């Protein structure tokens, strides 16, 4: 464990009682339990922030997609099917020795 900093917190009596009981049952100090609780909270907060950033990125991509659709329209044919057909034609030309 790295450097630790002293922090003073005020707990309600019931909070202190329950946390002290948990720490005692687990054979840990109250400070160790509080560090774990803070660590879990910070991890959850970081995950929520990451999810929020990802959702904002998805929203930005959606806006970009809609803007592009408005500017250029939608390609109406089966692009993947066209690519497969073109590949099949190329393979057949190779087999016939035309390529």
PDB file of N, CA and C in Angstrom:
ATOM      1  N   UNK A   1       0.854  -1.166   0.000  1.00  0.00           N
ATOM      2  CA  UNK A   1       0.000   0.000   0.000  1.00  0.00           C
ATOM      3  C   UNK A   1       0.900   1.228   0.000  1.00  0.00           C
ATOM      4  N   UNK A   2       0.547   2.219  -0.819  1.00  0.00           N
ATOM      5  CA  UNK A   2       1.342   3.430  -0.945  1.00  0.00           C
ATOM      6  C   UNK A   2       1.108   4.370   0.226  1.00  0.00           C
ATOM      7  N   UNK A   3       1.447   5.598  -0.005  1.00  0.00           N
ATOM      8  CA  UNK A   3       1.277   6.635   1.001  1.00  0.00           C
ATOM      9  C   UNK A   3      -0.194   6.816   1.318  1.00  0.00           C
ATOM     10  N   UNK A   4      -0.511   6.917   2.578  1.00  0.00           N
ATOM     11  CA  UNK A   4      -1.885   7.145   3.009  1.00  0.00           C
ATOM     12  C   UNK A   4      -1.993   8.549   3.587  1.00  0.00           C
ATOM     13  N   UNK A   5      -3.141   9.176   3.383  1.00  0.00           N
ATOM     14  CA  UNK A   5      -3.397  10.514   3.907  1.00  0.00           C
ATOM     15  C   UNK A   5      -4.512  10.418   4.934  1.00  0.00           C
ATOM     16  N   UNK A   6      -4.344  11.142   6.000  1.00  0.00           N
ATOM     17  CA  UNK A   6      -5.348  11.147   7.060  1.00  0.00           C
ATOM     18  C   UNK A   6      -6.528  11.998   6.619  1.00  0.00           C
ATOM     19  N   UNK A   7      -7.735  11.454   6.810  1.00  0.00           N
ATOM     20  CA  UNK A   7      -8.964  12.183   6.526  1.00  0.00           C
ATOM     21  C   UNK A   7      -9.924  11.932   7.683  1.00  0.00           C
ATOM     22  N   UNK A   8     -10.588  12.968   8.096  1.00  0.00           N
ATOM     23  CA  UNK A   8     -11.541  12.824   9.187  1.00  0.00           C
ATOM     24  C   UNK A   8     -12.940  12.929   8.604  1.00  0.00           C
ATOM     25  N   UNK A   9     -13.791  11.949   8.937  1.00  0.00           N
ATOM     26  CA  UNK A   9     -15.169  11.988   8.470  1.00  0.00           C
ATOM     27  C   UNK A   9     -16.091  11.875   9.675  1.00  0.00           C
ATOM     28  N   UNK A  10     -17.260  12.426   9.524  1.00  0.00           N
ATOM     29  CA  UNK A  10     -18.271  12.327  10.572  1.00  0.00           C
ATOM     30  C   UNK A  10     -19.378  11.413  10.074  1.00  0.00           C
ATOM     31  N   UNK A  11     -19.663  10.377  10.829  1.00  0.00           N
ATOM     32  CA  UNK A  11     -20.697   9.416  10.476  1.00  0.00           C
ATOM     33  C   UNK A  11     -21.862   9.552  11.437  1.00  0.00           C
ATOM     34  N   UNK A  12     -23.020   9.205  10.952  1.00  0.00           N
ATOM     35  CA  UNK A  12     -24.179   9.122  11.838  1.00  0.00           C
ATOM     36  C   UNK A  12     -23.963   7.904  12.737  1.00  0.00           C
ATOM     37  N   UNK A  13     -24.523   7.905  13.933  1.00  0.00           N
ATOM     38  CA  UNK A  13     -24.289   6.785  14.865  1.00  0.00           C
ATOM     39  C   UNK A  13     -24.604   5.415  14.254  1.00  0.00           C
ATOM     40  N   UNK A  14     -25.722   5.304  13.529  1.00  0.00           N
ATOM     41  CA  UNK A  14     -26.096   4.016  12.940  1.00  0.00           C
ATOM     42  C   UNK A  14     -25.095   3.602  11.872  1.00  0.00           C
ATOM     43  N   UNK A  15     -24.632   4.553  11.056  1.00  0.00           N
ATOM     44  CA  UNK A  15     -23.634   4.251  10.035  1.00  0.00           C
ATOM     45  C   UNK A  15     -22.364   3.721  10.685  1.00  0.00           C
ATOM     46  N   UNK A  16     -21.909   4.404  11.736  1.00  0.00           N
ATOM     47  CA  UNK A  16     -20.688   3.987  12.417  1.00  0.00           C
ATOM     48  C   UNK A  16     -20.855   2.599  13.011  1.00  0.00           C
ATOM     49  N   UNK A  17     -22.001   2.364  13.635  1.00  0.00           N
ATOM     50  CA  UNK A  17     -22.246   1.060  14.270  1.00  0.00           C
ATOM     51  C   UNK A  17     -22.204  -0.062  13.229  1.00  0.00           C
ATOM     52  N   UNK A  18     -22.918   0.121  12.113  1.00  0.00           N
ATOM     53  CA  UNK A  18     -22.988  -0.930  11.088  1.00  0.00           C
ATOM     54  C   UNK A  18     -21.613  -1.152  10.463  1.00  0.00           C
ATOM     55  N   UNK A  19     -20.907  -0.072  10.119  1.00  0.00           N
ATOM     56  CA  UNK A  19     -19.596  -0.215   9.496  1.00  0.00           C
ATOM     57  C   UNK A  19     -18.590  -0.850  10.454  1.00  0.00           C
ATOM     58  N   UNK A  20     -18.630  -0.458  11.711  1.00  0.00           N
ATOM     59  CA  UNK A  20     -17.719  -1.041  12.703  1.00  0.00           C
ATOM     60  C   UNK A  20     -18.002  -2.530  12.868  1.00  0.00           C
ATOM     61  N   UNK A  21     -19.272  -2.908  12.824  1.00  0.00           N
ATOM     62  CA  UNK A  21     -19.650  -4.320  12.944  1.00  0.00           C
ATOM     63  C   UNK A  21     -19.144  -5.107  11.740  1.00  0.00           C
ATOM     64  N   UNK A  22     -19.311  -4.556  10.538  1.00  0.00           N
ATOM     65  CA  UNK A  22     -18.819  -5.226   9.325  1.00  0.00           C
ATOM     66  C   UNK A  22     -17.309  -5.412   9.408  1.00  0.00           C
ATOM     67  N   UNK A  23     -16.616  -4.358   9.789  1.00  0.00           N
ATOM     68  CA  UNK A  23     -15.157  -4.431   9.889  1.00  0.00           C
ATOM     69  C   UNK A  23     -14.742  -5.498  10.898  1.00  0.00           C
ATOM     70  N   UNK A  24     -15.403  -5.513  12.028  1.00  0.00           N
ATOM     71  CA  UNK A  24     -15.065  -6.498  13.058  1.00  0.00           C
ATOM     72  C   UNK A  24     -15.340  -7.917  12.565  1.00  0.00           C
ATOM     73  N   UNK A  25     -16.467  -8.117  11.910  1.00  0.00           N
ATOM     74  CA  UNK A  25     -16.810  -9.451  11.407  1.00  0.00           C
ATOM     75  C   UNK A  25     -15.808  -9.939  10.363  1.00  0.00           C
ATOM     76  N   UNK A  26     -15.234  -8.991   9.599  1.00  0.00           N
ATOM     77  CA  UNK A  26     -14.270  -9.356   8.572  1.00  0.00           C
ATOM     78  C   UNK A  26     -12.836  -9.307   9.074  1.00  0.00           C
ATOM     79  N   UNK A  27     -12.644  -8.973  10.352  1.00  0.00           N
ATOM     80  CA  UNK A  27     -11.300  -8.926  10.921  1.00  0.00           C
ATOM     81  C   UNK A  27     -10.457  -7.806  10.331  1.00  0.00           C
ATOM     82  N   UNK A  28     -11.085  -6.698  10.026  1.00  0.00           N
ATOM     83  CA  UNK A  28     -10.404  -5.568   9.410  1.00  0.00           C
ATOM     84  C   UNK A  28     -10.601  -4.327  10.273  1.00  0.00           C
ATOM     85  N   UNK A  29      -9.805  -3.340   9.970  1.00  0.00           N
ATOM     86  CA  UNK A  29     -10.002  -2.065  10.658  1.00  0.00           C
ATOM     87  C   UNK A  29     -11.103  -1.289   9.943  1.00  0.00           C
ATOM     88  N   UNK A  30     -11.702  -0.368  10.652  1.00  0.00           N
ATOM     89  CA  UNK A  30     -12.712   0.496  10.073  1.00  0.00           C
ATOM     90  C   UNK A  30     -12.098   1.327   8.943  1.00  0.00           C
ATOM     91  N   UNK A  31     -10.864   1.765   9.133  1.00  0.00           N
ATOM     92  CA  UNK A  31     -10.175   2.542   8.091  1.00  0.00           C
ATOM     93  C   UNK A  31     -10.019   1.731   6.813  1.00  0.00           C
ATOM     94  N   UNK A  32      -9.647   0.470   6.950  1.00  0.00           N
ATOM     95  CA  UNK A  32      -9.477  -0.384   5.774  1.00  0.00           C
ATOM     96  C   UNK A  32     -10.805  -0.558   5.056  1.00  0.00           C
ATOM     97  N   UNK A  33     -11.876  -0.767   5.797  1.00  0.00           N
ATOM     98  CA  UNK A  33     -13.200  -0.908   5.206  1.00  0.00           C
ATOM     99  C   UNK A  33     -13.608   0.377   4.494  1.00  0.00           C
ATOM    100  N   UNK A  34     -13.351   1.511   5.109  1.00  0.00           N
ATOM    101  CA  UNK A  34     -13.706   2.790   4.497  1.00  0.00           C
ATOM    102  C   UNK A  34     -12.907   3.020   3.208  1.00  0.00           C
ATOM    103  N   UNK A  35     -11.635   2.638   3.195  1.00  0.00           N
ATOM    104  CA  UNK A  35     -10.837   2.766   1.968  1.00  0.00           C
ATOM    105  C   UNK A  35     -11.433   1.925   0.847  1.00  0.00           C
ATOM    106  N   UNK A  36     -11.874   0.711   1.181  1.00  0.00           N
ATOM    107  CA  UNK A  36     -12.495  -0.149   0.175  1.00  0.00           C
ATOM    108  C   UNK A  36     -13.786   0.478  -0.353  1.00  0.00           C
ATOM    109  N   UNK A  37     -14.594   1.017   0.546  1.00  0.00           N
ATOM    110  CA  UNK A  37     -15.848   1.649   0.143  1.00  0.00           C
ATOM    111  C   UNK A  37     -15.571   2.838  -0.776  1.00  0.00           C
ATOM    112  N   UNK A  38     -14.600   3.654  -0.428  1.00  0.00           N
ATOM    113  CA  UNK A  38     -14.247   4.809  -1.254  1.00  0.00           C
ATOM    114  C   UNK A  38     -13.720   4.338  -2.605  1.00  0.00           C
ATOM    115  N   UNK A  39     -12.896   3.299  -2.594  1.00  0.00           N
ATOM    116  CA  UNK A  39     -12.347   2.758  -3.843  1.00  0.00           C
ATOM    117  C   UNK A  39     -13.479   2.280  -4.760  1.00  0.00           C
ATOM    118  N   UNK A  40     -14.433   1.544  -4.203  1.00  0.00           N
ATOM    119  CA  UNK A  40     -15.563   1.056  -4.999  1.00  0.00           C
ATOM    120  C   UNK A  40     -16.384   2.216  -5.550  1.00  0.00           C
ATOM    121  N   UNK A  41     -16.604   3.230  -4.734  1.00  0.00           N
ATOM    122  CA  UNK A  41     -17.368   4.392  -5.174  1.00  0.00           C
ATOM    123  C   UNK A  41     -16.660   5.088  -6.334  1.00  0.00           C
ATOM    124  N   UNK A  42     -15.353   5.276  -6.207  1.00  0.00           N
ATOM    125  CA  UNK A  42     -14.600   5.948  -7.264  1.00  0.00           C
ATOM    126  C   UNK A  42     -14.584   5.128  -8.549  1.00  0.00           C
ATOM    127  N   UNK A  43     -14.491   3.803  -8.436  1.00  0.00           N
ATOM    128  CA  UNK A  43     -14.556   2.930  -9.618  1.00  0.00           C
ATOM    129  C   UNK A  43     -15.909   3.066 -10.310  1.00  0.00           C
ATOM    130  N   UNK A  44     -16.990   3.044  -9.519  1.00  0.00           N
ATOM    131  CA  UNK A  44     -18.333   3.177 -10.082  1.00  0.00           C
ATOM    132  C   UNK A  44     -18.496   4.533 -10.761  1.00  0.00           C
ATOM    133  N   UNK A  45     -17.982   5.566 -10.140  1.00  0.00           N
ATOM    134  CA  UNK A  45     -18.064   6.922 -10.697  1.00  0.00           C
ATOM    135  C   UNK A  45     -17.305   7.002 -12.026  1.00  0.00           C
ATOM    136  N   UNK A  46     -16.122   6.393 -12.062  1.00  0.00           N
ATOM    137  CA  UNK A  46     -15.327   6.381 -13.284  1.00  0.00           C
ATOM    138  C   UNK A  46     -16.064   5.626 -14.392  1.00  0.00           C
ATOM    139  N   UNK A  47     -16.681   4.502 -14.047  1.00  0.00           N
ATOM    140  CA  UNK A  47     -17.430   3.722 -15.027  1.00  0.00           C
ATOM    141  C   UNK A  47     -18.637   4.522 -15.535  1.00  0.00           C
ATOM    142  N   UNK A  48     -19.336   5.208 -14.647  1.00  0.00           N
ATOM    143  CA  UNK A  48     -20.466   6.036 -15.065  1.00  0.00           C
ATOM    144  C   UNK A  48     -20.013   7.147 -15.992  1.00  0.00           C
ATOM    145  N   UNK A  49     -18.871   7.772 -15.680  1.00  0.00           N
ATOM    146  CA  UNK A  49     -18.331   8.830 -16.543  1.00  0.00           C
ATOM    147  C   UNK A  49     -17.959   8.276 -17.909  1.00  0.00           C
ATOM    148  N   UNK A  50     -17.364   7.081 -17.950  1.00  0.00           N
ATOM    149  CA  UNK A  50     -16.987   6.450 -19.215  1.00  0.00           C
ATOM    150  C   UNK A  50     -18.232   6.158 -20.039  1.00  0.00           C
ATOM    151  N   UNK A  51     -19.268   5.624 -19.405  1.00  0.00           N
ATOM    152  CA  UNK A  51     -20.517   5.320 -20.106  1.00  0.00           C
ATOM    153  C   UNK A  51     -21.136   6.604 -20.649  1.00  0.00           C
ATOM    154  N   UNK A  52     -21.101   7.661 -19.849  1.00  0.00           N
ATOM    155  CA  UNK A  52     -21.642   8.940 -20.293  1.00  0.00           C
ATOM    156  C   UNK A  52     -20.882   9.457 -21.521  1.00  0.00           C
ATOM    157  N   UNK A  53     -19.552   9.355 -21.505  1.00  0.00           N
ATOM    158  CA  UNK A  53     -18.754   9.785 -22.657  1.00  0.00           C
ATOM    159  C   UNK A  53     -19.069   8.937 -23.892  1.00  0.00           C
ATOM    160  N   UNK A  54     -19.221   7.626 -23.692  1.00  0.00           N
ATOM    161  CA  UNK A  54     -19.533   6.745 -24.812  1.00  0.00           C
ATOM    162  C   UNK A  54     -20.905   7.066 -25.400  1.00  0.00           C
ATOM    163  N   UNK A  55     -21.884   7.348 -24.540  1.00  0.00           N
ATOM    164  CA  UNK A  55     -23.212   7.710 -25.029  1.00  0.00           C
ATOM    165  C   UNK A  55     -23.176   9.034 -25.789  1.00  0.00           C
ATOM    166  N   UNK A  56     -22.388   9.976 -25.305  1.00  0.00           N
ATOM    167  CA  UNK A  56     -22.249  11.251 -26.010  1.00  0.00           C
ATOM    168  C   UNK A  56     -21.610  11.036 -27.378  1.00  0.00           C
ATOM    169  N   UNK A  57     -20.632  10.138 -27.456  1.00  0.00           N
ATOM    170  CA  UNK A  57     -19.997   9.839 -28.737  1.00  0.00           C
ATOM    171  C   UNK A  57     -20.993   9.181 -29.687  1.00  0.00           C
ATOM    172  N   UNK A  58     -21.819   8.283 -29.181  1.00  0.00           N
ATOM    173  CA  UNK A  58     -22.834   7.632 -30.008  1.00  0.00           C
ATOM    174  C   UNK A  58     -23.842   8.662 -30.509  1.00  0.00           C
ATOM    175  N   UNK A  59     -24.242   9.584 -29.638  1.00  0.00           N
ATOM    176  CA  UNK A  59     -25.170  10.634 -30.048  1.00  0.00           C
ATOM    177  C   UNK A  59     -24.552  11.512 -31.136  1.00  0.00           C
ATOM    178  N   UNK A  60     -23.275  11.842 -30.994  1.00  0.00           N
ATOM    179  CA  UNK A  60     -22.593  12.657 -32.007  1.00  0.00           C
ATOM    180  C   UNK A  60     -22.530  11.904 -33.338  1.00  0.00           C
ATOM    181  N   UNK A  61     -22.239  10.602 -33.292  1.00  0.00           N
ATOM    182  CA  UNK A  61     -22.211   9.796 -34.518  1.00  0.00           C
ATOM    183  C   UNK A  61     -23.597   9.720 -35.167  1.00  0.00           C
ATOM    184  N   UNK A  62     -24.622   9.609 -34.338  1.00  0.00           N
ATOM    185  CA  UNK A  62     -25.989   9.570 -34.857  1.00  0.00           C
ATOM    186  C   UNK A  62     -26.336  10.879 -35.552  1.00  0.00           C
ATOM    187  N   UNK A  63     -25.971  12.009 -34.941  1.00  0.00           N
ATOM    188  CA  UNK A  63     -26.216  13.303 -35.569  1.00  0.00           C
ATOM    189  C   UNK A  63     -25.466  13.417 -36.897  1.00  0.00           C
ATOM    190  N   UNK A  64     -24.224  12.931 -36.913  1.00  0.00           N
ATOM    191  CA  UNK A  64     -23.429  12.968 -38.143  1.00  0.00           C
ATOM    192  C   UNK A  64     -24.071  12.094 -39.216  1.00  0.00           C
ATOM    193  N   UNK A  65     -24.509  10.912 -38.840  1.00  0.00           N
ATOM    194  CA  UNK A  65     -25.160  10.002 -39.791  1.00  0.00           C
ATOM    195  C   UNK A  65     -26.417  10.639 -40.366  1.00  0.00           C
ATOM    196  N   UNK A  66     -27.229  11.274 -39.514  1.00  0.00           N
ATOM    197  CA  UNK A  66     -28.449  11.917 -39.992  1.00  0.00           C
ATOM    198  C   UNK A  66     -28.128  13.098 -40.910  1.00  0.00           C
ATOM    199  N   UNK A  67     -27.113  13.862 -40.564  1.00  0.00           N
ATOM    200  CA  UNK A  67     -26.706  14.997 -41.404  1.00  0.00           C
ATOM    201  C   UNK A  67     -26.243  14.502 -42.767  1.00  0.00           C
ATOM    202  N   UNK A  68     -25.432  13.428 -42.775  1.00  0.00           N
ATOM    203  CA  UNK A  68     -24.959  12.861 -44.044  1.00  0.00           C
ATOM    204  C   UNK A  68     -26.117  12.311 -44.873  1.00  0.00           C
ATOM    205  N   UNK A  69     -27.075  11.695 -44.207  1.00  0.00           N
ATOM    206  CA  UNK A  69     -28.253  11.173 -44.909  1.00  0.00           C
ATOM    207  C   UNK A  69     -29.017  12.324 -45.564  1.00  0.00           C
ATOM    208  N   UNK A  70     -29.171  13.438 -44.832  1.00  0.00           N
ATOM    209  CA  UNK A  70     -29.867  14.593 -45.386  1.00  0.00           C
ATOM    210  C   UNK A  70     -29.099  15.185 -46.568  1.00  0.00           C
ATOM    211  N   UNK A  71     -27.784  15.234 -46.473  1.00  0.00           N
ATOM    212  CA  UNK A  71     -26.972  15.837 -47.526  1.00  0.00           C
ATOM    213  C   UNK A  71     -26.846  14.947 -48.758  1.00  0.00           C
ATOM    214  N   UNK A  72     -26.708  13.632 -48.562  1.00  0.00           N
ATOM    215  CA  UNK A  72     -26.356  12.734 -49.662  1.00  0.00           C
ATOM    216  C   UNK A  72     -27.398  11.655 -49.948  1.00  0.00           C
ATOM    217  N   UNK A  73     -28.389  11.528 -49.110  1.00  0.00           N
ATOM    218  CA  UNK A  73     -29.387  10.483 -49.299  1.00  0.00           C
ATOM    219  C   UNK A  73     -28.890   9.139 -48.794  1.00  0.00           C
ATOM    220  N   UNK A  74     -29.649   8.102 -49.112  1.00  0.00           N
ATOM    221  CA  UNK A  74     -29.338   6.746 -48.650  1.00  0.00           C
ATOM    222  C   UNK A  74     -29.067   5.873 -49.864  1.00  0.00           C
ATOM    223  N   UNK A  75     -28.010   5.087 -49.821  1.00  0.00           N
ATOM    224  CA  UNK A  75     -27.682   4.151 -50.894  1.00  0.00           C
ATOM    225  C   UNK A  75     -28.709   3.026 -50.845  1.00  0.00           C
ATOM    226  N   UNK A  76     -29.472   2.875 -51.907  1.00  0.00           N
ATOM    227  CA  UNK A  76     -30.645   2.005 -51.870  1.00  0.00           C
ATOM    228  C   UNK A  76     -30.381   0.541 -52.185  1.00  0.00           C
ATOM    229  N   UNK A  77     -29.228   0.201 -52.696  1.00  0.00           N
ATOM    230  CA  UNK A  77     -28.998  -1.192 -53.085  1.00  0.00           C
ATOM    231  C   UNK A  77     -28.239  -1.945 -52.001  1.00  0.00           C
ATOM    232  N   UNK A  78     -28.060  -3.243 -52.243  1.00  0.00           N
ATOM    233  CA  UNK A  78     -27.370  -4.120 -51.301  1.00  0.00           C
ATOM    234  C   UNK A  78     -25.861  -4.048 -51.563  1.00  0.00           C
ATOM    235  N   UNK A  79     -25.184  -3.200 -50.834  1.00  0.00           N
ATOM    236  CA  UNK A  79     -23.757  -2.981 -51.061  1.00  0.00           C
ATOM    237  C   UNK A  79     -22.950  -4.264 -50.856  1.00  0.00           C
ATOM    238  N   UNK A  80     -23.268  -5.018 -49.822  1.00  0.00           N
ATOM    239  CA  UNK A  80     -22.553  -6.264 -49.556  1.00  0.00           C
ATOM    240  C   UNK A  80     -22.802  -7.278 -50.678  1.00  0.00           C
ATOM    241  N   UNK A  81     -24.044  -7.352 -51.124  1.00  0.00           N
ATOM    242  CA  UNK A  81     -24.360  -8.257 -52.231  1.00  0.00           C
ATOM    243  C   UNK A  81     -23.608  -7.880 -53.494  1.00  0.00           C
ATOM    244  N   UNK A  82     -23.523  -6.582 -53.760  1.00  0.00           N
ATOM    245  CA  UNK A  82     -22.768  -6.125 -54.936  1.00  0.00           C
ATOM    246  C   UNK A  82     -21.292  -6.509 -54.829  1.00  0.00           C
ATOM    247  N   UNK A  83     -20.723  -6.341 -53.646  1.00  0.00           N
ATOM    248  CA  UNK A  83     -19.313  -6.680 -53.445  1.00  0.00           C
ATOM    249  C   UNK A  83     -19.088  -8.178 -53.641  1.00  0.00           C
ATOM    250  N   UNK A  84     -20.006  -8.995 -53.140  1.00  0.00           N
ATOM    251  CA  UNK A  84     -19.876 -10.442 -53.307  1.00  0.00           C
ATOM    252  C   UNK A  84     -19.969 -10.838 -54.785  1.00  0.00           C
ATOM    253  N   UNK A  85     -20.917 -10.247 -55.493  1.00  0.00           N
ATOM    254  CA  UNK A  85     -21.080 -10.561 -56.916  1.00  0.00           C
ATOM    255  C   UNK A  85     -19.834 -10.146 -57.693  1.00  0.00           C
ATOM    256  N   UNK A  86     -19.301  -8.994 -57.378  1.00  0.00           N
ATOM    257  CA  UNK A  86     -18.081  -8.543 -58.057  1.00  0.00           C
ATOM    258  C   UNK A  86     -16.926  -9.491 -57.774  1.00  0.00           C
ATOM    259  N   UNK A  87     -16.812  -9.937 -56.540  1.00  0.00           N
ATOM    260  CA  UNK A  87     -15.744 -10.881 -56.189  1.00  0.00           C
ATOM    261  C   UNK A  87     -15.909 -12.189 -56.953  1.00  0.00           C
ATOM    262  N   UNK A  88     -17.150 -12.680 -57.028  1.00  0.00           N
ATOM    263  CA  UNK A  88     -17.396 -13.924 -57.766  1.00  0.00           C
ATOM    264  C   UNK A  88     -17.023 -13.779 -59.242  1.00  0.00           C
ATOM    265  N   UNK A  89     -17.353 -12.627 -59.836  1.00  0.00           N
ATOM    266  CA  UNK A  89     -16.972 -12.390 -61.233  1.00  0.00           C
ATOM    267  C   UNK A  89     -15.446 -12.380 -61.371  1.00  0.00           C
ATOM    268  N   UNK A  90     -14.755 -11.740 -60.422  1.00  0.00           N
ATOM    269  CA  UNK A  90     -13.290 -11.696 -60.465  1.00  0.00           C
ATOM    270  C   UNK A  90     -12.691 -13.098 -60.340  1.00  0.00           C
ATOM    271  N   UNK A  91     -13.219 -13.903 -59.444  1.00  0.00           N
ATOM    272  CA  UNK A  91     -12.714 -15.266 -59.249  1.00  0.00           C
ATOM    273  C   UNK A  91     -12.931 -16.075 -60.531  1.00  0.00           C
ATOM    274  N   UNK A  92     -14.101 -15.922 -61.118  1.00  0.00           N
ATOM    275  CA  UNK A  92     -14.386 -16.671 -62.344  1.00  0.00           C
ATOM    276  C   UNK A  92     -13.446 -16.241 -63.477  1.00  0.00           C
ATOM    277  N   UNK A  93     -13.163 -14.950 -63.601  1.00  0.00           N
ATOM    278  CA  UNK A  93     -12.231 -14.475 -64.624  1.00  0.00           C
ATOM    279  C   UNK A  93     -10.847 -15.043 -64.394  1.00  0.00           C
ATOM    280  N   UNK A  94     -10.417 -15.148 -63.150  1.00  0.00           N
ATOM    281  CA  UNK A  94      -9.109 -15.726 -62.834  1.00  0.00           C
ATOM    282  C   UNK A  94      -9.078 -17.181 -63.248  1.00  0.00           C
ATOM    283  N   UNK A  95     -10.156 -17.943 -62.931  1.00  0.00           N
ATOM    284  CA  UNK A  95     -10.206 -19.361 -63.302  1.00  0.00           C
ATOM    285  C   UNK A  95     -10.179 -19.550 -64.821  1.00  0.00           C
ATOM    286  N   UNK A  96     -10.774 -18.619 -65.549  1.00  0.00           N
ATOM    287  CA  UNK A  96     -10.775 -18.727 -67.013  1.00  0.00           C
ATOM    288  C   UNK A  96      -9.476 -18.213 -67.614  1.00  0.00           C
ATOM    289  N   UNK A  97      -8.612 -17.619 -66.784  1.00  0.00           N
ATOM    290  CA  UNK A  97      -7.328 -17.113 -67.243  1.00  0.00           C
ATOM    291  C   UNK A  97      -7.434 -15.752 -67.894  1.00  0.00           C
ATOM    292  N   UNK A  98      -8.489 -15.022 -67.619  1.00  0.00           N
ATOM    293  CA  UNK A  98      -8.683 -13.704 -68.210  1.00  0.00           C
ATOM    294  C   UNK A  98      -8.064 -12.589 -67.388  1.00  0.00           C
ATOM    295  N   UNK A  99      -7.633 -12.894 -66.202  1.00  0.00           N
ATOM    296  CA  UNK A  99      -7.105 -11.837 -65.337  1.00  0.00           C
ATOM    297  C   UNK A  99      -5.620 -11.988 -65.140  1.00  0.00           C
TER     298      UNK A  99
END
